[in-house]
Amino acid sequence: MRWPSSQAHIAMAVTCVLAPAPAVAGSTDDDRSAVFGVKLPAGYRDWQLISVTHEAGGLNGIRAILGNDVAVRAFRDGTRPFPDSAIIIRLAWQYVASAENNAVFGQAQSFVPGAATNVQISVKDSRRYAGTGGWGYGQFEDGKLSRSEALLGTCASCHDRAAKADDFVFTRYAP
């Protein structure tokens, strides 16, 4: 029996090291979140809408929650835990009154998205993120990846406290 060359060993080792990395498309490793290593997937803004929210208080924002096909199917079917490769994206904007719409309605009642505040991503990979309930997280502000390990370190603990019964996901599907 002939043993593989050292080049073959190197190729196998590289494949074994890189294979577990999530295929959550982006452009470079500089776009990966500091703690979890996730990226924003290409074309995510074309994904299906799962739900919308209004966050009051200090956040005072409007959010649109989008999902890839795996996440949307899990939401629709009520599948919990979410299957691996489910990705949920949350787009956030400031919540501002619309003077233009209010003038048409004759009273203050209309609010619209203002400036974008951030984009957050949750990626399900039960093996890679076993320590955080199977989810990896990332946040992008002003189009740039947040490198704050302190901020990203709070994602799992917040989801753990509030949404454990629903596989650590806050969002409810709005058909």
C-alpha atoms as a PDB file:
ATOM      1  CA  MET A   1       0.000   0.000   0.000  1.00  0.00           C
ATOM      2  CA  ARG A   2       1.308   3.432  -0.940  1.00  0.00           C
ATOM      3  CA  TRP A   3       0.911   6.347   1.471  1.00  0.00           C
ATOM      4  CA  PRO A   4      -0.271   9.708   0.109  1.00  0.00           C
ATOM      5  CA  SER A   5       2.350  12.385  -0.466  1.00  0.00           C
ATOM      6  CA  SER A   6       2.886  15.167   2.049  1.00  0.00           C
ATOM      7  CA  GLN A   7       1.069  17.532  -0.334  1.00  0.00           C
ATOM      8  CA  ALA A   8      -1.985  15.264  -0.171  1.00  0.00           C
ATOM      9  CA  HIS A   9      -1.798  15.313   3.636  1.00  0.00           C
ATOM     10  CA  ILE A  10      -1.691  19.098   3.610  1.00  0.00           C
ATOM     11  CA  ALA A  11      -4.665  19.284   1.231  1.00  0.00           C
ATOM     12  CA  MET A  12      -6.681  16.921   3.444  1.00  0.00           C
ATOM     13  CA  ALA A  13      -5.799  18.910   6.567  1.00  0.00           C
ATOM     14  CA  VAL A  14      -6.806  22.203   4.955  1.00  0.00           C
ATOM     15  CA  THR A  15     -10.096  20.668   3.824  1.00  0.00           C
ATOM     16  CA  CYS A  16     -10.812  19.377   7.334  1.00  0.00           C
ATOM     17  CA  VAL A  17     -10.067  22.764   8.884  1.00  0.00           C
ATOM     18  CA  LEU A  18     -12.081  24.803   6.376  1.00  0.00           C
ATOM     19  CA  ALA A  19     -15.046  22.465   5.933  1.00  0.00           C
ATOM     20  CA  PRO A  20     -16.736  23.397   9.235  1.00  0.00           C
ATOM     21  CA  ALA A  21     -16.758  27.118   8.359  1.00  0.00           C
ATOM     22  CA  PRO A  22     -20.312  28.230   7.645  1.00  0.00           C
ATOM     23  CA  ALA A  23     -21.126  28.991   4.034  1.00  0.00           C
ATOM     24  CA  VAL A  24     -22.759  32.271   4.951  1.00  0.00           C
ATOM     25  CA  ALA A  25     -21.586  34.254   1.954  1.00  0.00           C
ATOM     26  CA  GLY A  26     -19.848  37.563   2.240  1.00  0.00           C
ATOM     27  CA  SER A  27     -16.813  39.010   0.580  1.00  0.00           C
ATOM     28  CA  THR A  28     -13.800  38.620   2.884  1.00  0.00           C
ATOM     29  CA  ASP A  29     -12.807  37.343   6.292  1.00  0.00           C
ATOM     30  CA  ASP A  30     -12.757  41.000   7.401  1.00  0.00           C
ATOM     31  CA  ASP A  31     -16.573  40.823   7.141  1.00  0.00           C
ATOM     32  CA  ARG A  32     -16.896  38.031   9.734  1.00  0.00           C
ATOM     33  CA  SER A  33     -18.254  38.837  13.184  1.00  0.00           C
ATOM     34  CA  ALA A  34     -15.536  38.884  15.827  1.00  0.00           C
ATOM     35  CA  VAL A  35     -17.070  36.328  18.190  1.00  0.00           C
ATOM     36  CA  PHE A  36     -19.072  34.012  15.924  1.00  0.00           C
ATOM     37  CA  GLY A  37     -17.444  34.358  12.493  1.00  0.00           C
ATOM     38  CA  VAL A  38     -20.715  34.865  10.574  1.00  0.00           C
ATOM     39  CA  LYS A  39     -21.137  37.079   7.514  1.00  0.00           C
ATOM     40  CA  LEU A  40     -24.043  38.774   5.827  1.00  0.00           C
ATOM     41  CA  PRO A  41     -25.171  36.531   2.967  1.00  0.00           C
ATOM     42  CA  ALA A  42     -25.184  37.924  -0.548  1.00  0.00           C
ATOM     43  CA  GLY A  43     -28.686  38.900  -1.663  1.00  0.00           C
ATOM     44  CA  TYR A  44     -30.204  38.808   1.838  1.00  0.00           C
ATOM     45  CA  ARG A  45     -32.325  41.911   1.150  1.00  0.00           C
ATOM     46  CA  ASP A  46     -34.280  39.854  -1.385  1.00  0.00           C
ATOM     47  CA  TRP A  47     -35.256  37.238   1.208  1.00  0.00           C
ATOM     48  CA  GLN A  48     -38.836  36.757   2.355  1.00  0.00           C
ATOM     49  CA  LEU A  49     -40.343  38.915   5.073  1.00  0.00           C
ATOM     50  CA  ILE A  50     -41.055  36.988   8.271  1.00  0.00           C
ATOM     51  CA  SER A  51     -42.311  39.807  10.483  1.00  0.00           C
ATOM     52  CA  VAL A  52     -42.033  43.479  11.435  1.00  0.00           C
ATOM     53  CA  THR A  53     -41.616  45.045  14.864  1.00  0.00           C
ATOM     54  CA  HIS A  54     -41.571  48.412  16.575  1.00  0.00           C
ATOM     55  CA  GLU A  55     -39.133  48.759  19.435  1.00  0.00           C
ATOM     56  CA  ALA A  56     -40.048  51.625  21.772  1.00  0.00           C
ATOM     57  CA  GLY A  57     -38.032  53.160  24.587  1.00  0.00           C
ATOM     58  CA  GLY A  58     -34.382  53.890  24.003  1.00  0.00           C
ATOM     59  CA  LEU A  59     -34.261  51.865  20.785  1.00  0.00           C
ATOM     60  CA  ASN A  60     -37.225  53.651  19.173  1.00  0.00           C
ATOM     61  CA  GLY A  61     -36.983  51.777  15.898  1.00  0.00           C
ATOM     62  CA  ILE A  62     -38.766  49.834  13.200  1.00  0.00           C
ATOM     63  CA  ARG A  63     -37.462  46.385  12.305  1.00  0.00           C
ATOM     64  CA  ALA A  64     -38.019  44.078   9.353  1.00  0.00           C
ATOM     65  CA  ILE A  65     -37.138  40.440   9.947  1.00  0.00           C
ATOM     66  CA  LEU A  66     -36.148  38.436   6.866  1.00  0.00           C
ATOM     67  CA  GLY A  67     -35.215  34.783   6.504  1.00  0.00           C
ATOM     68  CA  ASN A  68     -33.601  32.423   4.063  1.00  0.00           C
ATOM     69  CA  ASP A  69     -35.761  29.588   2.684  1.00  0.00           C
ATOM     70  CA  VAL A  70     -34.809  27.249   5.551  1.00  0.00           C
ATOM     71  CA  ALA A  71     -35.810  29.790   8.216  1.00  0.00           C
ATOM     72  CA  VAL A  72     -39.058  30.784   6.471  1.00  0.00           C
ATOM     73  CA  ARG A  73     -40.102  27.133   6.104  1.00  0.00           C
ATOM     74  CA  ALA A  74     -39.357  26.514   9.801  1.00  0.00           C
ATOM     75  CA  PHE A  75     -41.400  29.560  10.817  1.00  0.00           C
ATOM     76  CA  ARG A  76     -44.342  28.518   8.625  1.00  0.00           C
ATOM     77  CA  ASP A  77     -44.279  24.900   9.771  1.00  0.00           C
ATOM     78  CA  GLY A  78     -43.586  25.703  13.423  1.00  0.00           C
ATOM     79  CA  THR A  79     -40.413  23.576  13.312  1.00  0.00           C
ATOM     80  CA  ARG A  80     -38.431  23.918  16.546  1.00  0.00           C
ATOM     81  CA  PRO A  81     -35.604  23.736  17.028  1.00  0.00           C
ATOM     82  CA  PHE A  82     -34.791  25.537  13.806  1.00  0.00           C
ATOM     83  CA  PRO A  83     -32.826  23.353  11.380  1.00  0.00           C
ATOM     84  CA  ASP A  84     -29.155  23.987  10.798  1.00  0.00           C
ATOM     85  CA  SER A  85     -28.511  26.524   7.998  1.00  0.00           C
ATOM     86  CA  ALA A  86     -31.534  28.659   8.981  1.00  0.00           C
ATOM     87  CA  ILE A  87     -30.535  32.329   8.787  1.00  0.00           C
ATOM     88  CA  ILE A  88     -32.543  35.222  10.193  1.00  0.00           C
ATOM     89  CA  ILE A  89     -31.713  38.847   9.350  1.00  0.00           C
ATOM     90  CA  ARG A  90     -33.055  41.857  11.229  1.00  0.00           C
ATOM     91  CA  LEU A  91     -32.937  45.253   9.486  1.00  0.00           C
ATOM     92  CA  ALA A  92     -33.465  48.271  11.765  1.00  0.00           C
ATOM     93  CA  TRP A  93     -34.310  51.933  11.171  1.00  0.00           C
ATOM     94  CA  GLN A  94     -35.138  54.882  13.387  1.00  0.00           C
ATOM     95  CA  TYR A  95     -38.881  55.314  13.994  1.00  0.00           C
ATOM     96  CA  VAL A  96     -39.840  58.825  12.859  1.00  0.00           C
ATOM     97  CA  ALA A  97     -43.094  60.694  12.431  1.00  0.00           C
ATOM     98  CA  SER A  98     -44.076  61.458   8.840  1.00  0.00           C
ATOM     99  CA  ALA A  99     -45.111  65.129   8.611  1.00  0.00           C
ATOM    100  CA  GLU A 100     -46.083  64.554   4.976  1.00  0.00           C
ATOM    101  CA  ASN A 101     -48.427  61.637   5.760  1.00  0.00           C
ATOM    102  CA  ASN A 102     -49.800  63.342   8.871  1.00  0.00           C
ATOM    103  CA  ALA A 103     -50.728  66.381   6.773  1.00  0.00           C
ATOM    104  CA  VAL A 104     -52.745  64.121   4.471  1.00  0.00           C
ATOM    105  CA  PHE A 105     -54.460  62.345   7.388  1.00  0.00           C
ATOM    106  CA  GLY A 106     -55.121  65.600   9.244  1.00  0.00           C
ATOM    107  CA  GLN A 107     -53.625  64.274  12.478  1.00  0.00           C
ATOM    108  CA  ALA A 108     -50.405  62.854  13.912  1.00  0.00           C
ATOM    109  CA  GLN A 109     -50.643  59.118  13.240  1.00  0.00           C
ATOM    110  CA  SER A 110     -48.079  58.091  10.652  1.00  0.00           C
ATOM    111  CA  PHE A 111     -44.556  56.839  11.287  1.00  0.00           C
ATOM    112  CA  VAL A 112     -41.967  55.735   8.728  1.00  0.00           C
ATOM    113  CA  PRO A 113     -38.445  54.345   8.730  1.00  0.00           C
ATOM    114  CA  GLY A 114     -35.802  56.996   9.276  1.00  0.00           C
ATOM    115  CA  ALA A 115     -32.061  56.454   9.082  1.00  0.00           C
ATOM    116  CA  ALA A 116     -30.856  52.850   9.115  1.00  0.00           C
ATOM    117  CA  THR A 117     -29.380  51.890  12.481  1.00  0.00           C
ATOM    118  CA  ASN A 118     -28.072  48.350  12.065  1.00  0.00           C
ATOM    119  CA  VAL A 119     -28.432  44.898  10.553  1.00  0.00           C
ATOM    120  CA  GLN A 120     -28.250  41.831  12.775  1.00  0.00           C
ATOM    121  CA  ILE A 121     -27.816  38.231  11.697  1.00  0.00           C
ATOM    122  CA  SER A 122     -28.495  34.912  13.425  1.00  0.00           C
ATOM    123  CA  VAL A 123     -27.118  31.721  11.855  1.00  0.00           C
ATOM    124  CA  LYS A 124     -28.168  28.249  13.050  1.00  0.00           C
ATOM    125  CA  ASP A 125     -25.369  25.683  13.252  1.00  0.00           C
ATOM    126  CA  SER A 126     -25.985  23.390  16.219  1.00  0.00           C
ATOM    127  CA  ARG A 127     -22.458  21.946  16.263  1.00  0.00           C
ATOM    128  CA  ARG A 128     -20.413  25.083  15.657  1.00  0.00           C
ATOM    129  CA  TYR A 129     -22.459  27.206  18.086  1.00  0.00           C
ATOM    130  CA  ALA A 130     -23.390  24.520  20.625  1.00  0.00           C
ATOM    131  CA  GLY A 131     -22.370  26.793  23.487  1.00  0.00           C
ATOM    132  CA  THR A 132     -24.903  29.461  22.465  1.00  0.00           C
ATOM    133  CA  GLY A 133     -27.964  27.330  21.819  1.00  0.00           C
ATOM    134  CA  GLY A 134     -26.887  26.528  18.264  1.00  0.00           C
ATOM    135  CA  TRP A 135     -26.905  30.143  17.047  1.00  0.00           C
ATOM    136  CA  GLY A 136     -24.089  32.424  15.878  1.00  0.00           C
ATOM    137  CA  TYR A 137     -24.620  36.191  15.739  1.00  0.00           C
ATOM    138  CA  GLY A 138     -23.322  39.279  13.965  1.00  0.00           C
ATOM    139  CA  GLN A 139     -24.120  42.992  13.821  1.00  0.00           C
ATOM    140  CA  PHE A 140     -23.428  45.585  11.149  1.00  0.00           C
ATOM    141  CA  GLU A 141     -23.684  49.338  11.781  1.00  0.00           C
ATOM    142  CA  ASP A 142     -23.486  52.001   9.077  1.00  0.00           C
ATOM    143  CA  GLY A 143     -22.712  49.209   6.599  1.00  0.00           C
ATOM    144  CA  LYS A 144     -19.714  48.041   8.637  1.00  0.00           C
ATOM    145  CA  LEU A 145     -19.260  44.964  10.761  1.00  0.00           C
ATOM    146  CA  SER A 146     -19.288  45.603  14.499  1.00  0.00           C
ATOM    147  CA  ARG A 147     -15.988  44.372  15.931  1.00  0.00           C
ATOM    148  CA  SER A 148     -17.213  44.821  19.499  1.00  0.00           C
ATOM    149  CA  GLU A 149     -16.715  41.517  21.258  1.00  0.00           C
ATOM    150  CA  ALA A 150     -18.490  42.990  24.291  1.00  0.00           C
ATOM    151  CA  LEU A 151     -21.598  43.738  22.205  1.00  0.00           C
ATOM    152  CA  LEU A 152     -21.608  40.401  20.376  1.00  0.00           C
ATOM    153  CA  GLY A 153     -21.021  38.586  23.644  1.00  0.00           C
ATOM    154  CA  THR A 154     -24.422  39.793  24.866  1.00  0.00           C
ATOM    155  CA  CYS A 155     -26.415  38.302  21.959  1.00  0.00           C
ATOM    156  CA  ALA A 156     -26.665  34.735  23.233  1.00  0.00           C
ATOM    157  CA  SER A 157     -27.355  35.660  26.857  1.00  0.00           C
ATOM    158  CA  CYS A 158     -30.193  37.987  25.854  1.00  0.00           C
ATOM    159  CA  HIS A 159     -31.739  35.405  23.508  1.00  0.00           C
ATOM    160  CA  ASP A 160     -31.290  32.740  26.195  1.00  0.00           C
ATOM    161  CA  ARG A 161     -33.208  34.753  28.800  1.00  0.00           C
ATOM    162  CA  ALA A 162     -36.078  35.820  26.583  1.00  0.00           C
ATOM    163  CA  ALA A 163     -36.732  33.113  24.020  1.00  0.00           C
ATOM    164  CA  LYS A 164     -35.424  29.734  25.176  1.00  0.00           C
ATOM    165  CA  ALA A 165     -38.798  28.030  24.599  1.00  0.00           C
ATOM    166  CA  ASP A 166     -38.774  29.138  20.951  1.00  0.00           C
ATOM    167  CA  ASP A 167     -35.184  28.022  20.155  1.00  0.00           C
ATOM    168  CA  PHE A 168     -33.778  31.390  21.270  1.00  0.00           C
ATOM    169  CA  VAL A 169     -35.655  33.347  18.566  1.00  0.00           C
ATOM    170  CA  PHE A 170     -37.713  36.443  19.492  1.00  0.00           C
ATOM    171  CA  THR A 171     -39.573  36.767  16.200  1.00  0.00           C
ATOM    172  CA  ARG A 172     -43.052  35.399  15.657  1.00  0.00           C
ATOM    173  CA  TYR A 173     -44.104  34.592  12.118  1.00  0.00           C
ATOM    174  CA  ALA A 174     -46.667  36.995  10.698  1.00  0.00           C
ATOM    175  CA  PRO A 175     -48.385  35.217   7.789  1.00  0.00           C
END
